Structure formats: C-alpha cells, structure tokens
C-alpha cells in the first residue's frame, strides 16, 4: 500500500467552531468535535495498526514509500495543546501547516505553540502567508511571495529550515508547485484525494483525503487502510468540485459560501 495522507483541520466544539482557525460555515464543515476526533483516531488505530509517519520517512524510503501521514491545515489554536495532547496519548506525530500571517491572531497558534509542536516531534510546514481564496489564480510572483514569506517566518520561529507546505483551498497548479520549489519547499501536500506521491516541478507532491464534520470514524479508518469504496467516493466528489471550480472561478467561491451559510 502506498503512503496515504489524511487531512484534518481544527478540533473544536461545534457551538464554538469560530473560536479556532478560520471562521464561517465554509471553514467549519471541516472542524471535528473533540470526541469525534478521538473516535477517528481510535478507528484508524484499530484498522491501520501502526503509527503515522513523517513525510521525511516516506521520502527516505525508510518504509519503502508506505505509511500513513496525518496533516492539519490552517494553524488554528486547537493545534496546541488540544490536538497535540490527543496525538501524544498514542505517541503519534502529525504535520501542522500554519498560515504564517495569522500567527498570534485570535483563534490561531502563537509562536510559542509552534515551537512546542516542533519540540514534540511534529512536522511544521507552511499553509501560505495570507491563505488566498484561489491561490492558483494568483500571479506566479504572488504565489512565490506567499510561500517565501511564510517559509522565512516559520524558519525564524523554529531556528531551522522549513521545507514542507500544503496548498490552501485545494487550488493547486503547476505554477503553485514551481513557485514552491523556488521558495525552497521540497514536500507539497495538496487536496486531491490520491494515494502515494509524485514529483512535479521539483517538488514531491502528496495527495490527501479530507475529513469533515459528520464523517463516520469507520470511513476515515477505511481510507487510512486503502479501502477502495471510501477512497473512490471522495475522488468522484472532489473531481466534480474541481470542474465547478474551473468553470465558476470567483463565482464558485461566493456561491459555495452563500449555500453553506444558508444551509
């Protein structure tokens, strides 16, 4: 089985969903209740039977390209200490992708939190600097600046190079990868639900399967162990959205937010 990456966001009570990470219904659909998150971890543990690994382990072929990677986007304050403590109970590590320009703002991690996550063995990476709504629609210079500013900021916070990143909003393109490589990023996580990884524009690209509010823990576990049905369902849904994004452009973003706000 090739490496499978799972994408989480925040872990926060639904009644207080805006408290951690980006606010709004379009962001909150990806946030899990603490109890539900623990159920997901337990189900994955039972099904997979091995600890999640780091992207460096996969790249160095320590596991012959096999393993499970847990990732957490946005950099909401639930990353530390809540998520970190729940992972620590199992001796698990995760990849925390931080929107650097929001560090220290209400609802987001602080510099201290970032250092503590790293001290616990987690991988720290960039989730851009400002989290543009459609990163692939930005100019290549703008994309490069998003990566470069965020990488420089996080490297200064940690006192070590940062070479890992994830693309905000699922808006990936070859220009996004090319700019990432130019900024010194080696490992780039995207939102396309595919297993394994491939090289593109000098980056090693990892697909990811997204977890959202209300998803059954057993579905997440099925994805983790490579079951075809849950993986294919997500692939079909993602590609349907991909077409809508391409056709709709900025209108897609506005319509999606409106529909979720009124649902």
C-alpha atoms as a PDB file:
ATOM      1  CA  UNK A   1       0.000   0.000   0.000  1.00  0.00           C
ATOM      2  CA  UNK A   2       1.447   3.433  -0.890  1.00  0.00           C
ATOM      3  CA  UNK A   3       1.582   6.346   1.521  1.00  0.00           C
ATOM      4  CA  UNK A   4      -1.854   7.732   2.354  1.00  0.00           C
ATOM      5  CA  UNK A   5      -2.221  11.241   3.752  1.00  0.00           C
ATOM      6  CA  UNK A   6      -5.271  12.329   5.736  1.00  0.00           C
ATOM      7  CA  UNK A   7      -6.289  15.970   6.017  1.00  0.00           C
ATOM      8  CA  UNK A   8      -7.760  17.304   9.259  1.00  0.00           C
ATOM      9  CA  UNK A   9      -8.371  20.908  10.237  1.00  0.00           C
ATOM     10  CA  UNK A  10      -9.467  22.095  13.687  1.00  0.00           C
ATOM     11  CA  UNK A  11     -10.848  20.173  16.644  1.00  0.00           C
ATOM     12  CA  UNK A  12     -13.387  22.288  18.488  1.00  0.00           C
ATOM     13  CA  UNK A  13     -16.926  22.098  19.839  1.00  0.00           C
ATOM     14  CA  UNK A  14     -19.436  22.865  17.087  1.00  0.00           C
ATOM     15  CA  UNK A  15     -21.090  25.595  19.177  1.00  0.00           C
ATOM     16  CA  UNK A  16     -17.721  27.365  19.338  1.00  0.00           C
ATOM     17  CA  UNK A  17     -16.470  26.459  15.866  1.00  0.00           C
ATOM     18  CA  UNK A  18     -15.380  30.011  15.035  1.00  0.00           C
ATOM     19  CA  UNK A  19     -13.086  30.029  18.067  1.00  0.00           C
ATOM     20  CA  UNK A  20     -10.305  28.092  16.354  1.00  0.00           C
ATOM     21  CA  UNK A  21      -9.000  28.659  12.859  1.00  0.00           C
ATOM     22  CA  UNK A  22     -10.833  30.442  10.073  1.00  0.00           C
ATOM     23  CA  UNK A  23     -14.401  31.440  10.849  1.00  0.00           C
ATOM     24  CA  UNK A  24     -17.503  30.822   8.779  1.00  0.00           C
ATOM     25  CA  UNK A  25     -19.629  27.910   7.639  1.00  0.00           C
ATOM     26  CA  UNK A  26     -17.349  27.098   4.703  1.00  0.00           C
ATOM     27  CA  UNK A  27     -14.454  26.533   7.130  1.00  0.00           C
ATOM     28  CA  UNK A  28     -16.468  24.983   9.958  1.00  0.00           C
ATOM     29  CA  UNK A  29     -17.628  21.968   7.936  1.00  0.00           C
ATOM     30  CA  UNK A  30     -14.093  20.602   8.301  1.00  0.00           C
ATOM     31  CA  UNK A  31     -13.871  21.016  12.083  1.00  0.00           C
ATOM     32  CA  UNK A  32     -14.435  17.984  14.319  1.00  0.00           C
ATOM     33  CA  UNK A  33     -15.808  17.788  17.838  1.00  0.00           C
ATOM     34  CA  UNK A  34     -13.091  16.621  20.272  1.00  0.00           C
ATOM     35  CA  UNK A  35     -14.990  13.393  20.971  1.00  0.00           C
ATOM     36  CA  UNK A  36     -15.422  12.690  17.273  1.00  0.00           C
ATOM     37  CA  UNK A  37     -11.731  13.333  16.631  1.00  0.00           C
ATOM     38  CA  UNK A  38     -10.787  10.820  19.314  1.00  0.00           C
ATOM     39  CA  UNK A  39     -13.145   8.295  17.723  1.00  0.00           C
ATOM     40  CA  UNK A  40     -11.431   8.856  14.371  1.00  0.00           C
ATOM     41  CA  UNK A  41      -8.013   8.294  15.909  1.00  0.00           C
ATOM     42  CA  UNK A  42      -9.208   5.116  17.650  1.00  0.00           C
ATOM     43  CA  UNK A  43     -10.796   3.744  14.481  1.00  0.00           C
ATOM     44  CA  UNK A  44      -7.672   4.492  12.456  1.00  0.00           C
ATOM     45  CA  UNK A  45      -5.515   2.875  15.132  1.00  0.00           C
ATOM     46  CA  UNK A  46      -7.606  -0.301  15.129  1.00  0.00           C
ATOM     47  CA  UNK A  47      -7.654  -0.550  11.344  1.00  0.00           C
ATOM     48  CA  UNK A  48      -4.131   0.535  10.482  1.00  0.00           C
ATOM     49  CA  UNK A  49      -2.230  -0.967  13.398  1.00  0.00           C
ATOM     50  CA  UNK A  50       0.886   1.186  13.030  1.00  0.00           C
ATOM     51  CA  UNK A  51       1.937   4.681  13.983  1.00  0.00           C
ATOM     52  CA  UNK A  52       1.633   7.524  11.442  1.00  0.00           C
ATOM     53  CA  UNK A  53       4.948   8.578   9.971  1.00  0.00           C
ATOM     54  CA  UNK A  54       6.619  11.770   8.827  1.00  0.00           C
ATOM     55  CA  UNK A  55       6.981  12.885   5.236  1.00  0.00           C
ATOM     56  CA  UNK A  56      10.747  12.597   5.613  1.00  0.00           C
ATOM     57  CA  UNK A  57      10.401   8.897   6.452  1.00  0.00           C
ATOM     58  CA  UNK A  58       8.468   8.252   3.259  1.00  0.00           C
ATOM     59  CA  UNK A  59      10.882  10.256   1.137  1.00  0.00           C
ATOM     60  CA  UNK A  60      13.903   8.496   2.566  1.00  0.00           C
ATOM     61  CA  UNK A  61      12.269   5.142   1.783  1.00  0.00           C
ATOM     62  CA  UNK A  62      12.548   4.092   5.415  1.00  0.00           C
ATOM     63  CA  UNK A  63       9.132   2.500   4.928  1.00  0.00           C
ATOM     64  CA  UNK A  64       9.592   1.749   1.245  1.00  0.00           C
ATOM     65  CA  UNK A  65       7.116   4.512   0.420  1.00  0.00           C
ATOM     66  CA  UNK A  66       4.424   3.038   2.648  1.00  0.00           C
ATOM     67  CA  UNK A  67       2.709   4.538   5.640  1.00  0.00           C
ATOM     68  CA  UNK A  68       0.056   6.878   6.970  1.00  0.00           C
ATOM     69  CA  UNK A  69       0.578  10.641   7.289  1.00  0.00           C
ATOM     70  CA  UNK A  70      -1.705  12.851   9.390  1.00  0.00           C
ATOM     71  CA  UNK A  71      -1.908  16.512   8.378  1.00  0.00           C
ATOM     72  CA  UNK A  72      -3.624  19.518   9.950  1.00  0.00           C
ATOM     73  CA  UNK A  73      -4.282  22.662   7.911  1.00  0.00           C
ATOM     74  CA  UNK A  74      -4.744  26.350   8.786  1.00  0.00           C
ATOM     75  CA  UNK A  75      -2.934  26.658  12.132  1.00  0.00           C
ATOM     76  CA  UNK A  76      -5.967  27.146  14.357  1.00  0.00           C
ATOM     77  CA  UNK A  77      -5.371  27.356  18.088  1.00  0.00           C
ATOM     78  CA  UNK A  78      -6.790  23.864  18.629  1.00  0.00           C
ATOM     79  CA  UNK A  79      -3.490  22.504  17.279  1.00  0.00           C
ATOM     80  CA  UNK A  80      -1.866  23.201  20.636  1.00  0.00           C
ATOM     81  CA  UNK A  81      -2.398  21.947  23.182  1.00  0.00           C
ATOM     82  CA  UNK A  82      -5.601  20.006  22.326  1.00  0.00           C
ATOM     83  CA  UNK A  83      -4.678  18.122  19.147  1.00  0.00           C
ATOM     84  CA  UNK A  84      -1.069  17.728  20.264  1.00  0.00           C
ATOM     85  CA  UNK A  85      -2.179  16.134  23.549  1.00  0.00           C
ATOM     86  CA  UNK A  86      -4.593  13.740  21.855  1.00  0.00           C
ATOM     87  CA  UNK A  87      -1.853  12.616  19.479  1.00  0.00           C
ATOM     88  CA  UNK A  88       0.627  12.331  22.351  1.00  0.00           C
ATOM     89  CA  UNK A  89      -1.604   9.779  24.095  1.00  0.00           C
ATOM     90  CA  UNK A  90      -0.842   7.409  21.226  1.00  0.00           C
ATOM     91  CA  UNK A  91       2.733   8.501  20.582  1.00  0.00           C
ATOM     92  CA  UNK A  92       1.676   9.781  17.156  1.00  0.00           C
ATOM     93  CA  UNK A  93       3.079  12.639  15.119  1.00  0.00           C
ATOM     94  CA  UNK A  94       1.330  14.988  12.718  1.00  0.00           C
ATOM     95  CA  UNK A  95       2.120  17.611  10.094  1.00  0.00           C
ATOM     96  CA  UNK A  96       0.872  21.066  11.084  1.00  0.00           C
ATOM     97  CA  UNK A  97       0.559  23.531   8.222  1.00  0.00           C
ATOM     98  CA  UNK A  98       0.495  27.094   9.514  1.00  0.00           C
ATOM     99  CA  UNK A  99      -0.956  30.172   7.818  1.00  0.00           C
ATOM    100  CA  UNK A 100       2.007  32.307   8.832  1.00  0.00           C
ATOM    101  CA  UNK A 101       0.360  35.717   8.516  1.00  0.00           C
ATOM    102  CA  UNK A 102      -2.258  34.730  11.108  1.00  0.00           C
ATOM    103  CA  UNK A 103       0.119  33.515  13.804  1.00  0.00           C
ATOM    104  CA  UNK A 104      -0.707  35.215  17.102  1.00  0.00           C
ATOM    105  CA  UNK A 105      -4.146  36.425  15.998  1.00  0.00           C
ATOM    106  CA  UNK A 106      -7.230  35.368  17.973  1.00  0.00           C
ATOM    107  CA  UNK A 107      -8.106  31.793  17.100  1.00  0.00           C
ATOM    108  CA  UNK A 108      -4.675  30.883  15.743  1.00  0.00           C
ATOM    109  CA  UNK A 109      -1.477  29.379  17.110  1.00  0.00           C
ATOM    110  CA  UNK A 110       1.221  31.532  18.626  1.00  0.00           C
ATOM    111  CA  UNK A 111       4.964  31.361  18.075  1.00  0.00           C
ATOM    112  CA  UNK A 112       5.212  29.536  21.406  1.00  0.00           C
ATOM    113  CA  UNK A 113       2.660  26.962  20.210  1.00  0.00           C
ATOM    114  CA  UNK A 114       4.626  26.357  17.022  1.00  0.00           C
ATOM    115  CA  UNK A 115       7.828  25.764  18.973  1.00  0.00           C
ATOM    116  CA  UNK A 116       6.045  23.402  21.366  1.00  0.00           C
ATOM    117  CA  UNK A 117       4.587  21.389  18.490  1.00  0.00           C
ATOM    118  CA  UNK A 118       8.022  21.015  16.959  1.00  0.00           C
ATOM    119  CA  UNK A 119       9.551  20.081  20.314  1.00  0.00           C
ATOM    120  CA  UNK A 120       7.063  17.209  20.479  1.00  0.00           C
ATOM    121  CA  UNK A 121       8.327  15.857  17.193  1.00  0.00           C
ATOM    122  CA  UNK A 122       5.639  17.172  14.856  1.00  0.00           C
ATOM    123  CA  UNK A 123       6.426  18.485  11.384  1.00  0.00           C
ATOM    124  CA  UNK A 124       5.792  22.207  10.905  1.00  0.00           C
ATOM    125  CA  UNK A 125       5.030  23.492   7.426  1.00  0.00           C
ATOM    126  CA  UNK A 126       3.604  26.427   5.529  1.00  0.00           C
ATOM    127  CA  UNK A 127      -0.039  26.897   4.556  1.00  0.00           C
ATOM    128  CA  UNK A 128       0.865  30.132   2.720  1.00  0.00           C
ATOM    129  CA  UNK A 129       1.143  33.549   4.345  1.00  0.00           C
ATOM    130  CA  UNK A 130      -2.334  35.037   3.814  1.00  0.00           C
ATOM    131  CA  UNK A 131      -4.383  31.980   2.722  1.00  0.00           C
ATOM    132  CA  UNK A 132      -5.541  33.381  -0.647  1.00  0.00           C
ATOM    133  CA  UNK A 133      -9.004  32.152  -1.642  1.00  0.00           C
ATOM    134  CA  UNK A 134      -7.749  30.943  -5.060  1.00  0.00           C
ATOM    135  CA  UNK A 135      -4.002  30.519  -4.916  1.00  0.00           C
ATOM    136  CA  UNK A 136      -3.684  29.059  -8.407  1.00  0.00           C
ATOM    137  CA  UNK A 137      -5.313  32.207  -9.827  1.00  0.00           C
ATOM    138  CA  UNK A 138      -2.598  34.446  -8.364  1.00  0.00           C
ATOM    139  CA  UNK A 139       0.387  35.514 -10.447  1.00  0.00           C
ATOM    140  CA  UNK A 140       3.464  33.357 -10.127  1.00  0.00           C
ATOM    141  CA  UNK A 141       5.218  36.202  -8.329  1.00  0.00           C
ATOM    142  CA  UNK A 142       2.372  36.456  -5.829  1.00  0.00           C
ATOM    143  CA  UNK A 143       2.411  32.697  -5.276  1.00  0.00           C
ATOM    144  CA  UNK A 144       6.167  32.742  -4.730  1.00  0.00           C
ATOM    145  CA  UNK A 145       5.828  35.549  -2.179  1.00  0.00           C
ATOM    146  CA  UNK A 146       3.133  33.612  -0.319  1.00  0.00           C
ATOM    147  CA  UNK A 147       5.473  30.652   0.001  1.00  0.00           C
ATOM    148  CA  UNK A 148       8.663  32.611   0.633  1.00  0.00           C
ATOM    149  CA  UNK A 149       7.249  34.900   3.318  1.00  0.00           C
ATOM    150  CA  UNK A 150       5.661  32.009   5.181  1.00  0.00           C
ATOM    151  CA  UNK A 151       8.725  29.777   4.964  1.00  0.00           C
ATOM    152  CA  UNK A 152      11.006  32.580   6.179  1.00  0.00           C
ATOM    153  CA  UNK A 153       8.677  33.396   9.066  1.00  0.00           C
ATOM    154  CA  UNK A 154       8.361  29.805  10.260  1.00  0.00           C
ATOM    155  CA  UNK A 155      12.073  29.141   9.854  1.00  0.00           C
ATOM    156  CA  UNK A 156      12.836  32.183  12.016  1.00  0.00           C
ATOM    157  CA  UNK A 157      10.362  30.993  14.674  1.00  0.00           C
ATOM    158  CA  UNK A 158      11.873  27.495  14.803  1.00  0.00           C
ATOM    159  CA  UNK A 159      15.505  28.328  14.158  1.00  0.00           C
ATOM    160  CA  UNK A 160      15.677  25.649  11.467  1.00  0.00           C
ATOM    161  CA  UNK A 161      14.756  25.338   7.784  1.00  0.00           C
ATOM    162  CA  UNK A 162      11.146  24.571   6.846  1.00  0.00           C
ATOM    163  CA  UNK A 163      10.729  22.565   3.651  1.00  0.00           C
ATOM    164  CA  UNK A 164       7.141  21.314   3.846  1.00  0.00           C
ATOM    165  CA  UNK A 165       3.878  23.010   2.839  1.00  0.00           C
ATOM    166  CA  UNK A 166       0.235  22.466   1.931  1.00  0.00           C
ATOM    167  CA  UNK A 167      -1.840  24.347  -0.636  1.00  0.00           C
ATOM    168  CA  UNK A 168      -4.774  26.356   0.771  1.00  0.00           C
ATOM    169  CA  UNK A 169      -8.278  25.728  -0.515  1.00  0.00           C
ATOM    170  CA  UNK A 170      -7.318  22.931  -2.873  1.00  0.00           C
ATOM    171  CA  UNK A 171      -6.277  25.378  -5.605  1.00  0.00           C
ATOM    172  CA  UNK A 172      -3.209  23.606  -6.954  1.00  0.00           C
ATOM    173  CA  UNK A 173      -1.480  24.029 -10.316  1.00  0.00           C
ATOM    174  CA  UNK A 174       1.941  23.529 -11.865  1.00  0.00           C
ATOM    175  CA  UNK A 175       2.675  27.227 -11.197  1.00  0.00           C
ATOM    176  CA  UNK A 176       1.912  26.690  -7.497  1.00  0.00           C
ATOM    177  CA  UNK A 177       4.387  23.796  -7.438  1.00  0.00           C
ATOM    178  CA  UNK A 178       7.018  25.704  -9.420  1.00  0.00           C
ATOM    179  CA  UNK A 179       6.838  28.691  -7.070  1.00  0.00           C
ATOM    180  CA  UNK A 180       7.016  26.371  -4.067  1.00  0.00           C
ATOM    181  CA  UNK A 181      10.212  24.803  -5.379  1.00  0.00           C
ATOM    182  CA  UNK A 182      11.696  28.249  -5.969  1.00  0.00           C
ATOM    183  CA  UNK A 183      10.923  29.124  -2.333  1.00  0.00           C
ATOM    184  CA  UNK A 184      12.772  26.045  -1.075  1.00  0.00           C
ATOM    185  CA  UNK A 185       9.811  23.724  -0.477  1.00  0.00           C
ATOM    186  CA  UNK A 186      10.575  20.032  -1.014  1.00  0.00           C
ATOM    187  CA  UNK A 187       7.294  18.391   0.046  1.00  0.00           C
ATOM    188  CA  UNK A 188       3.968  19.840  -1.038  1.00  0.00           C
ATOM    189  CA  UNK A 189       0.604  18.477   0.119  1.00  0.00           C
ATOM    190  CA  UNK A 190      -2.483  19.106  -1.997  1.00  0.00           C
ATOM    191  CA  UNK A 191      -6.177  18.307  -1.522  1.00  0.00           C
ATOM    192  CA  UNK A 192      -6.632  15.865  -4.395  1.00  0.00           C
ATOM    193  CA  UNK A 193      -7.675  12.519  -2.870  1.00  0.00           C
ATOM    194  CA  UNK A 194      -4.958  10.261  -4.227  1.00  0.00           C
ATOM    195  CA  UNK A 195      -2.572   7.853  -2.539  1.00  0.00           C
ATOM    196  CA  UNK A 196       1.165   7.988  -2.835  1.00  0.00           C
ATOM    197  CA  UNK A 197       3.203  10.848  -4.223  1.00  0.00           C
ATOM    198  CA  UNK A 198       4.819  12.063  -7.411  1.00  0.00           C
ATOM    199  CA  UNK A 199       7.402  14.620  -8.458  1.00  0.00           C
ATOM    200  CA  UNK A 200       6.235  17.823 -10.146  1.00  0.00           C
ATOM    201  CA  UNK A 201       8.178  20.995 -10.872  1.00  0.00           C
ATOM    202  CA  UNK A 202      10.876  19.880  -8.429  1.00  0.00           C
ATOM    203  CA  UNK A 203       8.502  19.177  -5.503  1.00  0.00           C
ATOM    204  CA  UNK A 204       7.349  15.859  -4.142  1.00  0.00           C
ATOM    205  CA  UNK A 205       3.530  16.130  -4.287  1.00  0.00           C
ATOM    206  CA  UNK A 206       1.336  14.257  -1.828  1.00  0.00           C
ATOM    207  CA  UNK A 207      -2.413  13.874  -2.350  1.00  0.00           C
ATOM    208  CA  UNK A 208      -4.701  13.850   0.704  1.00  0.00           C
ATOM    209  CA  UNK A 209      -8.089  12.536   1.791  1.00  0.00           C
ATOM    210  CA  UNK A 210     -10.171  15.121   3.633  1.00  0.00           C
ATOM    211  CA  UNK A 211     -12.043  14.548   6.888  1.00  0.00           C
ATOM    212  CA  UNK A 212     -15.115  16.699   7.537  1.00  0.00           C
ATOM    213  CA  UNK A 213     -17.678  17.165  10.283  1.00  0.00           C
ATOM    214  CA  UNK A 214     -20.136  14.311  10.442  1.00  0.00           C
ATOM    215  CA  UNK A 215     -17.936  11.778   8.657  1.00  0.00           C
ATOM    216  CA  UNK A 216     -18.099   8.386  10.351  1.00  0.00           C
ATOM    217  CA  UNK A 217     -14.903   7.311  12.069  1.00  0.00           C
ATOM    218  CA  UNK A 218     -15.020   3.978  10.235  1.00  0.00           C
ATOM    219  CA  UNK A 219     -14.960   5.812   6.894  1.00  0.00           C
ATOM    220  CA  UNK A 220     -11.768   7.585   7.927  1.00  0.00           C
ATOM    221  CA  UNK A 221     -10.320   4.255   9.031  1.00  0.00           C
ATOM    222  CA  UNK A 222     -11.253   2.713   5.684  1.00  0.00           C
ATOM    223  CA  UNK A 223      -9.416   5.467   3.856  1.00  0.00           C
ATOM    224  CA  UNK A 224      -6.376   5.000   6.088  1.00  0.00           C
ATOM    225  CA  UNK A 225      -6.060   1.326   5.195  1.00  0.00           C
ATOM    226  CA  UNK A 226      -6.699   1.900   1.498  1.00  0.00           C
ATOM    227  CA  UNK A 227     -10.238   0.569   1.071  1.00  0.00           C
ATOM    228  CA  UNK A 228     -11.446   1.352  -2.410  1.00  0.00           C
ATOM    229  CA  UNK A 229     -15.064   2.424  -1.811  1.00  0.00           C
ATOM    230  CA  UNK A 230     -14.495   5.389   0.569  1.00  0.00           C
ATOM    231  CA  UNK A 231     -11.470   6.496  -1.426  1.00  0.00           C
ATOM    232  CA  UNK A 232     -13.306   6.382  -4.776  1.00  0.00           C
ATOM    233  CA  UNK A 233     -16.347   8.187  -3.376  1.00  0.00           C
ATOM    234  CA  UNK A 234     -14.150  11.049  -2.269  1.00  0.00           C
ATOM    235  CA  UNK A 235     -12.258  11.061  -5.572  1.00  0.00           C
ATOM    236  CA  UNK A 236     -15.503  11.352  -7.562  1.00  0.00           C
ATOM    237  CA  UNK A 237     -16.804  14.146  -5.321  1.00  0.00           C
ATOM    238  CA  UNK A 238     -13.502  16.037  -5.462  1.00  0.00           C
ATOM    239  CA  UNK A 239     -13.304  15.888  -9.246  1.00  0.00           C
ATOM    240  CA  UNK A 240     -16.901  17.091  -9.549  1.00  0.00           C
ATOM    241  CA  UNK A 241     -15.955  20.099  -7.425  1.00  0.00           C
ATOM    242  CA  UNK A 242     -12.795  20.593  -9.487  1.00  0.00           C
ATOM    243  CA  UNK A 243     -14.860  21.100 -12.636  1.00  0.00           C
ATOM    244  CA  UNK A 244     -17.163  23.532 -10.812  1.00  0.00           C
ATOM    245  CA  UNK A 245     -14.140  25.480  -9.561  1.00  0.00           C
ATOM    246  CA  UNK A 246     -12.659  25.737 -13.046  1.00  0.00           C
ATOM    247  CA  UNK A 247     -15.932  26.870 -14.608  1.00  0.00           C
ATOM    248  CA  UNK A 248     -17.087  29.117 -11.782  1.00  0.00           C
ATOM    249  CA  UNK A 249     -13.861  30.887 -10.808  1.00  0.00           C
ATOM    250  CA  UNK A 250     -14.520  33.530  -8.141  1.00  0.00           C
ATOM    251  CA  UNK A 251     -18.264  32.914  -8.504  1.00  0.00           C
ATOM    252  CA  UNK A 252     -17.796  29.355  -7.260  1.00  0.00           C
ATOM    253  CA  UNK A 253     -16.258  30.627  -4.018  1.00  0.00           C
ATOM    254  CA  UNK A 254     -19.076  33.131  -3.458  1.00  0.00           C
ATOM    255  CA  UNK A 255     -21.849  30.670  -4.267  1.00  0.00           C
ATOM    256  CA  UNK A 256     -20.331  27.986  -2.044  1.00  0.00           C
ATOM    257  CA  UNK A 257     -20.084  30.339   0.936  1.00  0.00           C
ATOM    258  CA  UNK A 258     -23.653  31.506   0.404  1.00  0.00           C
ATOM    259  CA  UNK A 259     -25.041  27.969   0.196  1.00  0.00           C
ATOM    260  CA  UNK A 260     -23.177  26.825   3.290  1.00  0.00           C
ATOM    261  CA  UNK A 261     -24.197  29.941   5.230  1.00  0.00           C
ATOM    262  CA  UNK A 262     -27.862  29.300   4.464  1.00  0.00           C
ATOM    263  CA  UNK A 263     -27.793  25.541   4.985  1.00  0.00           C
END
